[in-house]
Amino acid sequence: MTRVLIVDDQRTAREVMEIAVKQSNKYFLERTIVDAGNAYLHCMNGKVDLILMDVYTLDGENGIEAAAKIKKDFPRIKIIIVTSMPEESFIRKAREAGCESFWYKDVGVEDLLSVMDKTMAGESVYPDDAPVIKIGLAKSTDFTKRELDVLRELVNGRSQKDTADILGIKYDSVRTHLKSILVKTGYDTPSRFIAEVSHKNYMIPEFYESSREDEDTEK
């Protein structure tokens, strides 16, 4: 049987993947851990054939970076990157790390076991694009890159003033972008919107690659 290591710090996601593995007659759940940083150690015992690796795990550990190290030293181990965050750069980074496949937890076109079966059969399963998700009344594609820059900083706990300093724009510009975000999403206050986005883990450090050079440089 194919021995599976699950790496994910979200309880619900872990349970879904654990059930999928346990109900299959092809796979054996070797272990479930919550931090990508320890995945390498579990591969050293030679008892792992397939890893289901979340992009970001406990304490900000980067699953794609951990996967790259594992693929370098244990190339026989196959890795499926899993995430609930619709970030296109994750797909590119997973390919560059040598991961065999990529699966979106919440909106994957194929079910997990199908992706696992194809991966173990030698196929590479990747989505063509990141999924479009709903955030309030808006779609993830409705936001400008600068709005996402502002939102990323606010969700990471920055004040509006600090966000302006970090992005090199005026404080009034931050307020304008935030007002536009609220109008698009239908939320009445910044705190309610940021709390919702943070709860769903849509925005985290590096969720969107900085694109400051593509935006107007308002001062």
N, C-alpha and C. Protein backbone atom coordinates (compact mmCIF):
# COMPACT_ATOMS: atom_id res chain seq x y z
N MET A 1 0.83 -1.20 0.00
CA MET A 1 0.00 0.00 0.00
C MET A 1 0.87 1.25 0.00
N THR A 2 0.32 2.31 -0.56
CA THR A 2 1.03 3.58 -0.60
C THR A 2 0.92 4.27 0.76
N ARG A 3 2.07 4.59 1.34
CA ARG A 3 2.09 5.20 2.67
C ARG A 3 2.05 6.72 2.53
N VAL A 4 1.08 7.32 3.24
CA VAL A 4 0.80 8.74 3.05
C VAL A 4 1.13 9.56 4.30
N LEU A 5 1.80 10.67 4.09
CA LEU A 5 2.04 11.64 5.15
C LEU A 5 1.22 12.88 4.85
N ILE A 6 0.37 13.30 5.79
CA ILE A 6 -0.43 14.50 5.64
C ILE A 6 0.20 15.62 6.45
N VAL A 7 0.38 16.77 5.81
CA VAL A 7 0.98 17.93 6.48
C VAL A 7 0.01 19.10 6.34
N ASP A 8 -0.71 19.40 7.41
CA ASP A 8 -1.70 20.48 7.37
C ASP A 8 -2.05 20.87 8.80
N ASP A 9 -2.12 22.17 9.07
CA ASP A 9 -2.40 22.62 10.43
C ASP A 9 -3.87 22.99 10.64
N GLN A 10 -4.71 22.84 9.63
CA GLN A 10 -6.13 23.12 9.77
C GLN A 10 -6.87 21.82 10.06
N ARG A 11 -7.53 21.79 11.21
CA ARG A 11 -8.13 20.54 11.68
C ARG A 11 -9.15 19.96 10.69
N THR A 12 -10.04 20.80 10.19
CA THR A 12 -11.07 20.30 9.27
C THR A 12 -10.45 19.71 8.01
N ALA A 13 -9.47 20.42 7.45
CA ALA A 13 -8.80 19.93 6.24
C ALA A 13 -8.09 18.61 6.51
N ARG A 14 -7.42 18.51 7.66
CA ARG A 14 -6.73 17.27 8.02
C ARG A 14 -7.72 16.11 8.09
N GLU A 15 -8.84 16.35 8.73
CA GLU A 15 -9.82 15.28 8.90
C GLU A 15 -10.38 14.80 7.57
N VAL A 16 -10.62 15.75 6.65
CA VAL A 16 -11.12 15.37 5.32
C VAL A 16 -10.12 14.48 4.60
N MET A 17 -8.85 14.88 4.65
CA MET A 17 -7.82 14.10 3.97
C MET A 17 -7.60 12.75 4.65
N GLU A 18 -7.64 12.75 5.97
CA GLU A 18 -7.48 11.49 6.70
C GLU A 18 -8.59 10.50 6.35
N ILE A 19 -9.81 10.98 6.29
CA ILE A 19 -10.94 10.11 5.93
C ILE A 19 -10.78 9.54 4.53
N ALA A 20 -10.35 10.41 3.60
CA ALA A 20 -10.15 9.96 2.22
C ALA A 20 -9.11 8.85 2.15
N VAL A 21 -8.03 9.01 2.88
CA VAL A 21 -6.96 8.01 2.87
C VAL A 21 -7.41 6.71 3.54
N LYS A 22 -8.05 6.83 4.70
CA LYS A 22 -8.44 5.65 5.46
C LYS A 22 -9.53 4.84 4.77
N GLN A 23 -10.37 5.49 4.00
CA GLN A 23 -11.46 4.78 3.33
C GLN A 23 -11.02 4.10 2.04
N SER A 24 -9.81 4.41 1.59
CA SER A 24 -9.30 3.78 0.37
C SER A 24 -8.55 2.50 0.71
N ASN A 25 -8.63 1.54 -0.19
CA ASN A 25 -7.89 0.30 0.02
C ASN A 25 -6.51 0.34 -0.64
N LYS A 26 -6.14 1.52 -1.15
CA LYS A 26 -4.85 1.67 -1.81
C LYS A 26 -3.83 2.40 -0.95
N TYR A 27 -4.33 3.10 0.08
CA TYR A 27 -3.44 3.99 0.82
C TYR A 27 -3.47 3.69 2.32
N PHE A 28 -2.33 3.93 2.94
CA PHE A 28 -2.19 3.75 4.38
C PHE A 28 -1.72 5.07 4.99
N LEU A 29 -2.42 5.56 6.01
CA LEU A 29 -2.05 6.82 6.65
C LEU A 29 -0.87 6.59 7.59
N GLU A 30 0.30 6.97 7.13
CA GLU A 30 1.51 6.80 7.94
C GLU A 30 1.51 7.75 9.13
N ARG A 31 1.19 9.02 8.87
CA ARG A 31 1.16 10.00 9.95
C ARG A 31 0.55 11.30 9.46
N THR A 32 0.03 12.09 10.42
CA THR A 32 -0.44 13.44 10.14
C THR A 32 0.32 14.39 11.04
N ILE A 33 0.90 15.43 10.46
CA ILE A 33 1.62 16.43 11.24
C ILE A 33 1.12 17.82 10.85
N VAL A 34 1.43 18.81 11.69
CA VAL A 34 0.89 20.15 11.47
C VAL A 34 1.93 21.16 10.99
N ASP A 35 3.18 20.75 10.90
CA ASP A 35 4.21 21.70 10.49
C ASP A 35 5.08 21.13 9.38
N ALA A 36 5.21 21.92 8.30
CA ALA A 36 6.00 21.48 7.15
C ALA A 36 7.47 21.31 7.50
N GLY A 37 7.93 22.05 8.49
CA GLY A 37 9.34 21.97 8.87
C GLY A 37 9.77 20.59 9.33
N ASN A 38 8.84 19.80 9.84
CA ASN A 38 9.18 18.45 10.33
C ASN A 38 8.92 17.36 9.30
N ALA A 39 8.40 17.74 8.13
CA ALA A 39 8.09 16.73 7.12
C ALA A 39 9.35 16.00 6.66
N TYR A 40 10.44 16.72 6.52
CA TYR A 40 11.70 16.13 6.06
C TYR A 40 12.14 15.00 6.99
N LEU A 41 12.01 15.24 8.31
CA LEU A 41 12.43 14.23 9.28
C LEU A 41 11.64 12.94 9.13
N HIS A 42 10.36 13.07 8.84
CA HIS A 42 9.52 11.88 8.69
C HIS A 42 9.84 11.12 7.40
N CYS A 43 10.44 11.81 6.45
CA CYS A 43 10.81 11.14 5.20
C CYS A 43 12.10 10.33 5.36
N MET A 44 12.86 10.63 6.38
CA MET A 44 14.15 9.97 6.57
C MET A 44 14.01 8.52 6.99
N ASN A 45 12.82 8.14 7.52
CA ASN A 45 12.66 6.76 7.97
C ASN A 45 12.28 5.80 6.85
N GLY A 46 12.11 6.35 5.64
CA GLY A 46 11.80 5.51 4.49
C GLY A 46 10.41 4.94 4.45
N LYS A 47 9.50 5.50 5.26
CA LYS A 47 8.15 4.96 5.34
C LYS A 47 7.10 5.87 4.70
N VAL A 48 7.54 6.77 3.85
CA VAL A 48 6.62 7.70 3.20
C VAL A 48 6.75 7.55 1.69
N ASP A 49 5.62 7.37 1.02
CA ASP A 49 5.60 7.28 -0.44
C ASP A 49 4.95 8.51 -1.08
N LEU A 50 4.01 9.10 -0.36
CA LEU A 50 3.24 10.23 -0.90
C LEU A 50 2.97 11.23 0.22
N ILE A 51 3.15 12.52 -0.10
CA ILE A 51 2.88 13.58 0.89
C ILE A 51 1.78 14.49 0.36
N LEU A 52 0.80 14.77 1.21
CA LEU A 52 -0.20 15.79 0.95
C LEU A 52 0.23 17.00 1.76
N MET A 53 0.78 18.01 1.09
CA MET A 53 1.47 19.11 1.75
C MET A 53 0.73 20.44 1.58
N ASP A 54 0.30 21.02 2.70
CA ASP A 54 -0.33 22.33 2.64
C ASP A 54 0.73 23.39 2.35
N VAL A 55 0.28 24.51 1.77
CA VAL A 55 1.23 25.57 1.40
C VAL A 55 1.80 26.26 2.64
N TYR A 56 0.93 26.64 3.56
CA TYR A 56 1.39 27.27 4.80
C TYR A 56 0.86 26.49 5.99
N THR A 57 1.76 26.14 6.90
CA THR A 57 1.38 25.32 8.05
C THR A 57 1.73 26.06 9.34
N LEU A 58 1.77 25.32 10.42
CA LEU A 58 1.98 25.90 11.75
C LEU A 58 3.23 26.77 11.78
N ASP A 59 3.10 27.91 12.47
CA ASP A 59 4.21 28.86 12.65
C ASP A 59 4.74 29.41 11.33
N GLY A 60 3.88 29.45 10.32
CA GLY A 60 4.28 30.04 9.05
C GLY A 60 5.22 29.19 8.22
N GLU A 61 5.37 27.91 8.57
CA GLU A 61 6.25 27.03 7.80
C GLU A 61 5.73 26.89 6.37
N ASN A 62 6.63 27.06 5.42
CA ASN A 62 6.27 27.05 4.00
C ASN A 62 6.33 25.63 3.44
N GLY A 63 5.18 25.11 3.04
CA GLY A 63 5.12 23.74 2.55
C GLY A 63 5.81 23.54 1.22
N ILE A 64 5.79 24.56 0.37
CA ILE A 64 6.45 24.43 -0.94
C ILE A 64 7.97 24.40 -0.77
N GLU A 65 8.47 25.23 0.12
CA GLU A 65 9.92 25.20 0.39
C GLU A 65 10.33 23.86 1.00
N ALA A 66 9.51 23.36 1.91
CA ALA A 66 9.81 22.05 2.51
C ALA A 66 9.76 20.96 1.45
N ALA A 67 8.82 21.06 0.53
CA ALA A 67 8.70 20.07 -0.54
C ALA A 67 9.92 20.07 -1.44
N ALA A 68 10.46 21.26 -1.73
CA ALA A 68 11.64 21.35 -2.58
C ALA A 68 12.83 20.62 -1.96
N LYS A 69 13.00 20.74 -0.67
CA LYS A 69 14.09 20.04 0.03
C LYS A 69 13.89 18.53 -0.01
N ILE A 70 12.64 18.12 0.19
CA ILE A 70 12.34 16.68 0.17
C ILE A 70 12.57 16.10 -1.21
N LYS A 71 12.12 16.78 -2.25
CA LYS A 71 12.29 16.28 -3.61
C LYS A 71 13.77 16.18 -3.99
N LYS A 72 14.57 17.08 -3.45
CA LYS A 72 16.01 17.06 -3.76
C LYS A 72 16.68 15.81 -3.19
N ASP A 73 16.33 15.47 -1.95
CA ASP A 73 17.01 14.36 -1.28
C ASP A 73 16.24 13.04 -1.33
N PHE A 74 14.94 13.12 -1.56
CA PHE A 74 14.11 11.91 -1.64
C PHE A 74 13.24 11.97 -2.90
N PRO A 75 13.84 11.93 -4.07
CA PRO A 75 13.09 12.12 -5.32
C PRO A 75 12.01 11.09 -5.57
N ARG A 76 12.10 9.91 -4.95
CA ARG A 76 11.08 8.88 -5.16
C ARG A 76 9.76 9.25 -4.49
N ILE A 77 9.81 10.09 -3.45
CA ILE A 77 8.59 10.47 -2.74
C ILE A 77 7.80 11.46 -3.59
N LYS A 78 6.54 11.15 -3.81
CA LYS A 78 5.69 12.05 -4.60
C LYS A 78 4.96 13.02 -3.68
N ILE A 79 4.79 14.24 -4.16
CA ILE A 79 4.20 15.30 -3.33
C ILE A 79 3.05 15.98 -4.07
N ILE A 80 1.94 16.08 -3.38
CA ILE A 80 0.79 16.85 -3.88
C ILE A 80 0.64 18.08 -2.98
N ILE A 81 0.79 19.25 -3.55
CA ILE A 81 0.58 20.47 -2.80
C ILE A 81 -0.93 20.71 -2.71
N VAL A 82 -1.40 21.00 -1.50
CA VAL A 82 -2.83 21.28 -1.30
C VAL A 82 -2.99 22.66 -0.67
N THR A 83 -4.03 23.37 -1.07
CA THR A 83 -4.26 24.70 -0.51
C THR A 83 -5.71 25.10 -0.72
N SER A 84 -6.16 26.05 0.07
CA SER A 84 -7.50 26.62 -0.12
C SER A 84 -7.40 28.05 -0.63
N MET A 85 -6.17 28.50 -0.88
CA MET A 85 -5.95 29.90 -1.26
C MET A 85 -5.77 30.05 -2.77
N PRO A 86 -6.58 30.87 -3.41
CA PRO A 86 -6.55 31.00 -4.87
C PRO A 86 -5.42 31.89 -5.37
N GLU A 87 -4.21 31.47 -5.15
CA GLU A 87 -3.05 32.26 -5.56
C GLU A 87 -2.33 31.54 -6.70
N GLU A 88 -2.27 32.18 -7.87
CA GLU A 88 -1.68 31.55 -9.05
C GLU A 88 -0.19 31.28 -8.88
N SER A 89 0.51 32.12 -8.12
CA SER A 89 1.95 31.93 -7.97
C SER A 89 2.27 30.62 -7.27
N PHE A 90 1.36 30.10 -6.44
CA PHE A 90 1.59 28.83 -5.76
C PHE A 90 1.73 27.70 -6.77
N ILE A 91 0.94 27.74 -7.84
CA ILE A 91 1.02 26.71 -8.86
C ILE A 91 2.40 26.71 -9.50
N ARG A 92 2.88 27.89 -9.86
CA ARG A 92 4.21 28.00 -10.48
C ARG A 92 5.29 27.53 -9.51
N LYS A 93 5.21 27.96 -8.27
CA LYS A 93 6.23 27.61 -7.28
C LYS A 93 6.25 26.11 -7.00
N ALA A 94 5.07 25.50 -6.99
CA ALA A 94 5.00 24.06 -6.76
C ALA A 94 5.67 23.30 -7.89
N ARG A 95 5.45 23.74 -9.12
CA ARG A 95 6.12 23.11 -10.27
C ARG A 95 7.63 23.26 -10.15
N GLU A 96 8.07 24.46 -9.82
CA GLU A 96 9.51 24.72 -9.71
C GLU A 96 10.14 23.88 -8.60
N ALA A 97 9.37 23.57 -7.57
CA ALA A 97 9.88 22.75 -6.47
C ALA A 97 9.94 21.27 -6.82
N GLY A 98 9.35 20.91 -7.96
CA GLY A 98 9.37 19.51 -8.39
C GLY A 98 8.21 18.68 -7.90
N CYS A 99 7.18 19.33 -7.36
CA CYS A 99 6.01 18.60 -6.85
C CYS A 99 5.21 18.02 -8.02
N GLU A 100 4.74 16.80 -7.83
CA GLU A 100 4.05 16.12 -8.93
C GLU A 100 2.69 16.70 -9.24
N SER A 101 1.96 17.11 -8.20
CA SER A 101 0.58 17.54 -8.43
C SER A 101 0.18 18.66 -7.48
N PHE A 102 -1.01 19.22 -7.75
CA PHE A 102 -1.51 20.37 -7.01
C PHE A 102 -3.02 20.23 -6.91
N TRP A 103 -3.57 20.45 -5.70
CA TRP A 103 -5.01 20.26 -5.50
C TRP A 103 -5.57 21.35 -4.60
N TYR A 104 -6.67 21.97 -5.04
CA TYR A 104 -7.36 22.95 -4.21
C TYR A 104 -8.34 22.24 -3.31
N LYS A 105 -8.21 22.45 -2.01
CA LYS A 105 -9.02 21.73 -1.03
C LYS A 105 -10.51 21.94 -1.22
N ASP A 106 -10.91 23.19 -1.36
CA ASP A 106 -12.32 23.52 -1.33
C ASP A 106 -13.00 23.51 -2.70
N VAL A 107 -12.23 23.77 -3.74
CA VAL A 107 -12.85 23.91 -5.06
C VAL A 107 -12.14 23.10 -6.14
N GLY A 108 -11.45 22.04 -5.72
CA GLY A 108 -10.76 21.22 -6.69
C GLY A 108 -11.73 20.58 -7.67
N VAL A 109 -11.39 20.62 -8.95
CA VAL A 109 -12.26 20.02 -9.97
C VAL A 109 -12.33 18.51 -9.78
N GLU A 110 -11.21 17.91 -9.46
CA GLU A 110 -11.18 16.47 -9.23
C GLU A 110 -11.14 16.19 -7.73
N ASP A 111 -11.69 15.04 -7.31
CA ASP A 111 -11.61 14.72 -5.90
C ASP A 111 -10.20 14.28 -5.55
N LEU A 112 -9.89 14.33 -4.28
CA LEU A 112 -8.53 14.09 -3.81
C LEU A 112 -8.02 12.71 -4.19
N LEU A 113 -8.82 11.69 -4.00
CA LEU A 113 -8.36 10.33 -4.30
C LEU A 113 -8.02 10.17 -5.78
N SER A 114 -8.76 10.83 -6.63
CA SER A 114 -8.47 10.77 -8.06
C SER A 114 -7.11 11.38 -8.36
N VAL A 115 -6.82 12.52 -7.72
CA VAL A 115 -5.52 13.17 -7.91
C VAL A 115 -4.40 12.29 -7.36
N MET A 116 -4.65 11.65 -6.23
CA MET A 116 -3.66 10.76 -5.63
C MET A 116 -3.38 9.57 -6.54
N ASP A 117 -4.45 8.97 -7.06
CA ASP A 117 -4.29 7.81 -7.95
C ASP A 117 -3.48 8.16 -9.19
N LYS A 118 -3.83 9.29 -9.81
CA LYS A 118 -3.12 9.71 -11.02
C LYS A 118 -1.65 10.03 -10.72
N THR A 119 -1.42 10.66 -9.57
CA THR A 119 -0.06 11.02 -9.19
C THR A 119 0.79 9.77 -8.99
N MET A 120 0.25 8.78 -8.30
CA MET A 120 1.00 7.56 -8.04
C MET A 120 1.16 6.73 -9.32
N ALA A 121 0.33 6.99 -10.32
CA ALA A 121 0.44 6.29 -11.61
C ALA A 121 1.43 6.99 -12.55
N GLY A 122 2.01 8.07 -12.05
CA GLY A 122 3.02 8.75 -12.85
C GLY A 122 2.56 10.01 -13.53
N GLU A 123 1.32 10.39 -13.34
CA GLU A 123 0.80 11.61 -13.96
C GLU A 123 1.11 12.83 -13.09
N SER A 124 1.10 14.00 -13.73
CA SER A 124 1.24 15.26 -13.02
C SER A 124 -0.08 16.01 -13.17
N VAL A 125 -0.75 16.25 -12.05
CA VAL A 125 -2.08 16.85 -12.09
C VAL A 125 -2.01 18.27 -11.55
N TYR A 126 -2.22 19.24 -12.43
CA TYR A 126 -2.20 20.65 -12.05
C TYR A 126 -3.41 21.37 -12.65
N PRO A 127 -3.99 22.31 -11.90
CA PRO A 127 -5.08 23.11 -12.48
C PRO A 127 -4.51 24.10 -13.49
N ASP A 128 -5.33 24.49 -14.43
CA ASP A 128 -4.88 25.48 -15.42
C ASP A 128 -4.71 26.85 -14.80
N ASP A 129 -5.61 27.20 -13.89
CA ASP A 129 -5.58 28.51 -13.25
C ASP A 129 -6.06 28.39 -11.82
N ALA A 130 -5.78 29.44 -11.05
CA ALA A 130 -6.33 29.50 -9.71
C ALA A 130 -7.83 29.70 -9.80
N PRO A 131 -8.60 29.15 -8.87
CA PRO A 131 -10.05 29.30 -8.93
C PRO A 131 -10.48 30.72 -8.59
N VAL A 132 -11.63 31.10 -9.09
CA VAL A 132 -12.22 32.38 -8.73
C VAL A 132 -13.13 32.14 -7.53
N ILE A 133 -12.91 32.88 -6.46
CA ILE A 133 -13.70 32.69 -5.25
C ILE A 133 -14.52 33.94 -4.96
N LYS A 134 -15.54 33.76 -4.13
CA LYS A 134 -16.38 34.87 -3.71
C LYS A 134 -15.88 35.40 -2.38
N ILE A 135 -15.71 36.72 -2.29
CA ILE A 135 -15.36 37.39 -1.04
C ILE A 135 -16.43 38.45 -0.83
N GLY A 136 -17.40 38.17 0.00
CA GLY A 136 -18.54 39.06 0.12
C GLY A 136 -19.31 39.05 -1.19
N LEU A 137 -19.58 40.21 -1.73
CA LEU A 137 -20.29 40.32 -3.00
C LEU A 137 -19.36 40.28 -4.20
N ALA A 138 -18.07 40.29 -3.95
CA ALA A 138 -17.10 40.39 -5.03
C ALA A 138 -16.45 39.05 -5.33
N LYS A 139 -15.86 38.97 -6.52
CA LYS A 139 -15.03 37.83 -6.88
C LYS A 139 -13.58 38.21 -6.65
N SER A 140 -12.74 37.20 -6.46
CA SER A 140 -11.32 37.48 -6.20
C SER A 140 -10.67 38.22 -7.35
N THR A 141 -11.25 38.11 -8.55
CA THR A 141 -10.68 38.78 -9.72
C THR A 141 -11.13 40.23 -9.84
N ASP A 142 -12.02 40.67 -8.96
CA ASP A 142 -12.55 42.03 -9.05
C ASP A 142 -11.63 43.08 -8.43
N PHE A 143 -10.63 42.64 -7.68
CA PHE A 143 -9.77 43.58 -6.97
C PHE A 143 -8.56 43.96 -7.83
N THR A 144 -8.15 45.24 -7.73
CA THR A 144 -6.93 45.65 -8.41
C THR A 144 -5.74 45.13 -7.62
N LYS A 145 -4.60 45.10 -8.25
CA LYS A 145 -3.39 44.64 -7.57
C LYS A 145 -3.02 45.53 -6.39
N ARG A 146 -3.25 46.83 -6.54
CA ARG A 146 -2.94 47.74 -5.44
C ARG A 146 -3.90 47.52 -4.27
N GLU A 147 -5.16 47.24 -4.57
CA GLU A 147 -6.10 46.94 -3.50
C GLU A 147 -5.67 45.70 -2.74
N LEU A 148 -5.16 44.71 -3.46
CA LEU A 148 -4.69 43.50 -2.80
C LEU A 148 -3.44 43.75 -1.98
N ASP A 149 -2.58 44.64 -2.46
CA ASP A 149 -1.40 45.03 -1.68
C ASP A 149 -1.82 45.63 -0.34
N VAL A 150 -2.78 46.55 -0.42
CA VAL A 150 -3.28 47.21 0.78
C VAL A 150 -3.94 46.19 1.71
N LEU A 151 -4.77 45.34 1.15
CA LEU A 151 -5.48 44.35 1.94
C LEU A 151 -4.53 43.38 2.62
N ARG A 152 -3.50 42.97 1.91
CA ARG A 152 -2.53 42.04 2.50
C ARG A 152 -1.91 42.63 3.75
N GLU A 153 -1.51 43.89 3.69
CA GLU A 153 -0.87 44.53 4.84
C GLU A 153 -1.84 44.68 6.01
N LEU A 154 -3.09 45.07 5.71
CA LEU A 154 -4.08 45.25 6.77
C LEU A 154 -4.40 43.92 7.46
N VAL A 155 -4.53 42.86 6.66
CA VAL A 155 -4.83 41.54 7.23
C VAL A 155 -3.66 41.03 8.07
N ASN A 156 -2.47 41.46 7.73
CA ASN A 156 -1.30 41.06 8.52
C ASN A 156 -1.12 41.92 9.75
N GLY A 157 -2.13 42.74 10.07
CA GLY A 157 -2.11 43.50 11.31
C GLY A 157 -1.53 44.89 11.22
N ARG A 158 -1.22 45.35 10.02
CA ARG A 158 -0.69 46.71 9.87
C ARG A 158 -1.80 47.73 10.02
N SER A 159 -1.46 48.89 10.59
CA SER A 159 -2.41 49.99 10.61
C SER A 159 -2.47 50.62 9.22
N GLN A 160 -3.46 51.46 9.00
CA GLN A 160 -3.55 52.12 7.70
C GLN A 160 -2.33 53.01 7.46
N LYS A 161 -1.85 53.65 8.51
CA LYS A 161 -0.66 54.50 8.37
C LYS A 161 0.57 53.67 8.04
N ASP A 162 0.74 52.56 8.76
CA ASP A 162 1.89 51.68 8.48
C ASP A 162 1.81 51.11 7.08
N THR A 163 0.60 50.77 6.64
CA THR A 163 0.41 50.25 5.29
C THR A 163 0.86 51.26 4.25
N ALA A 164 0.49 52.53 4.47
CA ALA A 164 0.92 53.59 3.55
C ALA A 164 2.44 53.68 3.50
N ASP A 165 3.08 53.61 4.66
CA ASP A 165 4.55 53.71 4.72
C ASP A 165 5.20 52.53 4.02
N ILE A 166 4.68 51.33 4.25
CA ILE A 166 5.27 50.13 3.67
C ILE A 166 5.14 50.13 2.15
N LEU A 167 3.98 50.55 1.66
CA LEU A 167 3.74 50.54 0.22
C LEU A 167 4.27 51.80 -0.47
N GLY A 168 4.67 52.79 0.31
CA GLY A 168 5.20 54.01 -0.27
C GLY A 168 4.14 54.86 -0.94
N ILE A 169 2.94 54.87 -0.36
CA ILE A 169 1.85 55.67 -0.91
C ILE A 169 1.29 56.56 0.19
N LYS A 170 0.40 57.46 -0.18
CA LYS A 170 -0.18 58.36 0.78
C LYS A 170 -1.20 57.63 1.67
N TYR A 171 -1.34 58.14 2.88
CA TYR A 171 -2.34 57.60 3.80
C TYR A 171 -3.74 57.70 3.19
N ASP A 172 -4.04 58.82 2.54
CA ASP A 172 -5.34 59.00 1.90
C ASP A 172 -5.57 57.97 0.80
N SER A 173 -4.49 57.54 0.14
CA SER A 173 -4.62 56.52 -0.92
C SER A 173 -5.03 55.19 -0.32
N VAL A 174 -4.46 54.86 0.84
CA VAL A 174 -4.85 53.63 1.53
C VAL A 174 -6.33 53.67 1.87
N ARG A 175 -6.79 54.79 2.39
CA ARG A 175 -8.20 54.94 2.75
C ARG A 175 -9.09 54.79 1.51
N THR A 176 -8.64 55.35 0.39
CA THR A 176 -9.41 55.26 -0.85
C THR A 176 -9.51 53.82 -1.33
N HIS A 177 -8.39 53.10 -1.31
CA HIS A 177 -8.39 51.70 -1.74
C HIS A 177 -9.28 50.85 -0.82
N LEU A 178 -9.19 51.11 0.48
CA LEU A 178 -9.99 50.35 1.43
C LEU A 178 -11.48 50.62 1.22
N LYS A 179 -11.84 51.87 0.96
CA LYS A 179 -13.24 52.20 0.70
C LYS A 179 -13.74 51.47 -0.55
N SER A 180 -12.89 51.39 -1.59
CA SER A 180 -13.26 50.69 -2.81
C SER A 180 -13.48 49.21 -2.53
N ILE A 181 -12.64 48.61 -1.71
CA ILE A 181 -12.76 47.20 -1.35
C ILE A 181 -14.09 46.95 -0.65
N LEU A 182 -14.44 47.83 0.28
CA LEU A 182 -15.69 47.67 1.03
C LEU A 182 -16.90 47.79 0.11
N VAL A 183 -16.85 48.73 -0.82
CA VAL A 183 -17.95 48.89 -1.77
C VAL A 183 -18.12 47.63 -2.61
N LYS A 184 -17.01 47.08 -3.09
CA LYS A 184 -17.07 45.89 -3.93
C LYS A 184 -17.60 44.67 -3.18
N THR A 185 -17.20 44.53 -1.93
CA THR A 185 -17.55 43.33 -1.18
C THR A 185 -18.87 43.46 -0.43
N GLY A 186 -19.32 44.70 -0.19
CA GLY A 186 -20.58 44.90 0.50
C GLY A 186 -20.46 44.92 2.01
N TYR A 187 -19.25 44.93 2.56
CA TYR A 187 -19.07 45.00 4.00
C TYR A 187 -19.19 46.45 4.46
N ASP A 188 -19.72 46.65 5.68
CA ASP A 188 -19.94 48.01 6.15
C ASP A 188 -18.77 48.59 6.93
N THR A 189 -17.89 47.74 7.46
CA THR A 189 -16.73 48.25 8.19
C THR A 189 -15.48 47.47 7.82
N PRO A 190 -14.32 48.13 7.87
CA PRO A 190 -13.06 47.42 7.57
C PRO A 190 -12.82 46.25 8.52
N SER A 191 -13.16 46.43 9.79
CA SER A 191 -12.88 45.37 10.77
C SER A 191 -13.65 44.10 10.47
N ARG A 192 -14.91 44.22 10.07
CA ARG A 192 -15.72 43.04 9.75
C ARG A 192 -15.17 42.32 8.53
N PHE A 193 -14.79 43.10 7.53
CA PHE A 193 -14.27 42.49 6.31
C PHE A 193 -12.94 41.79 6.55
N ILE A 194 -12.03 42.47 7.24
CA ILE A 194 -10.71 41.90 7.50
C ILE A 194 -10.83 40.64 8.36
N ALA A 195 -11.74 40.68 9.33
CA ALA A 195 -11.95 39.49 10.17
C ALA A 195 -12.43 38.31 9.34
N GLU A 196 -13.34 38.57 8.39
CA GLU A 196 -13.86 37.50 7.54
C GLU A 196 -12.77 36.94 6.64
N VAL A 197 -12.00 37.80 6.03
CA VAL A 197 -10.94 37.36 5.12
C VAL A 197 -9.88 36.58 5.89
N SER A 198 -9.52 37.07 7.07
CA SER A 198 -8.51 36.39 7.88
C SER A 198 -9.00 35.01 8.30
N HIS A 199 -10.28 34.92 8.66
CA HIS A 199 -10.86 33.64 9.11
C HIS A 199 -10.80 32.59 8.01
N LYS A 200 -10.98 33.02 6.77
CA LYS A 200 -10.98 32.07 5.66
C LYS A 200 -9.59 31.83 5.08
N ASN A 201 -8.60 32.49 5.66
CA ASN A 201 -7.21 32.28 5.22
C ASN A 201 -6.98 32.62 3.76
N TYR A 202 -7.70 33.59 3.23
CA TYR A 202 -7.50 34.01 1.85
C TYR A 202 -6.25 34.87 1.71
N MET A 203 -5.93 35.61 2.77
CA MET A 203 -4.82 36.54 2.70
C MET A 203 -3.82 36.20 3.79
N ILE A 204 -2.59 35.93 3.38
CA ILE A 204 -1.51 35.66 4.31
C ILE A 204 -0.26 36.26 3.71
N PRO A 205 0.86 36.31 4.45
CA PRO A 205 2.08 36.81 3.84
C PRO A 205 2.37 36.10 2.54
N GLU A 206 2.65 36.87 1.49
CA GLU A 206 2.99 36.35 0.17
C GLU A 206 1.79 35.72 -0.53
N PHE A 207 0.57 35.98 -0.02
CA PHE A 207 -0.61 35.44 -0.71
C PHE A 207 -0.66 35.98 -2.12
N TYR A 208 -0.40 37.26 -2.27
CA TYR A 208 -0.25 37.83 -3.59
C TYR A 208 1.15 38.39 -3.70
N GLU A 209 1.84 38.05 -4.76
CA GLU A 209 3.16 38.59 -4.96
C GLU A 209 3.05 40.08 -5.17
N SER A 210 3.98 40.83 -4.60
CA SER A 210 3.92 42.27 -4.73
C SER A 210 3.99 42.68 -6.19
N SER A 211 3.13 43.59 -6.55
CA SER A 211 3.09 44.02 -7.95
C SER A 211 3.15 45.54 -8.02
N ARG A 212 3.93 46.12 -7.15
CA ARG A 212 3.97 47.56 -7.06
C ARG A 212 4.40 48.21 -8.36
N GLU A 213 5.28 47.51 -9.10
CA GLU A 213 5.76 48.11 -10.34
C GLU A 213 4.68 48.18 -11.39
N ASP A 214 3.59 47.42 -11.21
CA ASP A 214 2.52 47.39 -12.19
C ASP A 214 1.43 48.42 -11.89
N GLU A 215 1.53 49.07 -10.73
CA GLU A 215 0.49 49.99 -10.31
C GLU A 215 0.97 51.43 -10.44
N ASP A 216 0.00 52.33 -10.36
CA ASP A 216 0.38 53.74 -10.32
C ASP A 216 1.14 54.00 -9.06
N THR A 217 2.07 54.89 -9.08
CA THR A 217 2.90 55.19 -7.91
C THR A 217 2.40 56.46 -7.26
N GLU A 218 1.17 56.40 -6.75
CA GLU A 218 0.59 57.58 -6.14
C GLU A 218 1.40 57.95 -4.91
N LYS A 219 1.59 59.19 -4.70
CA LYS A 219 2.36 59.70 -3.57
C LYS A 219 1.50 60.65 -2.74
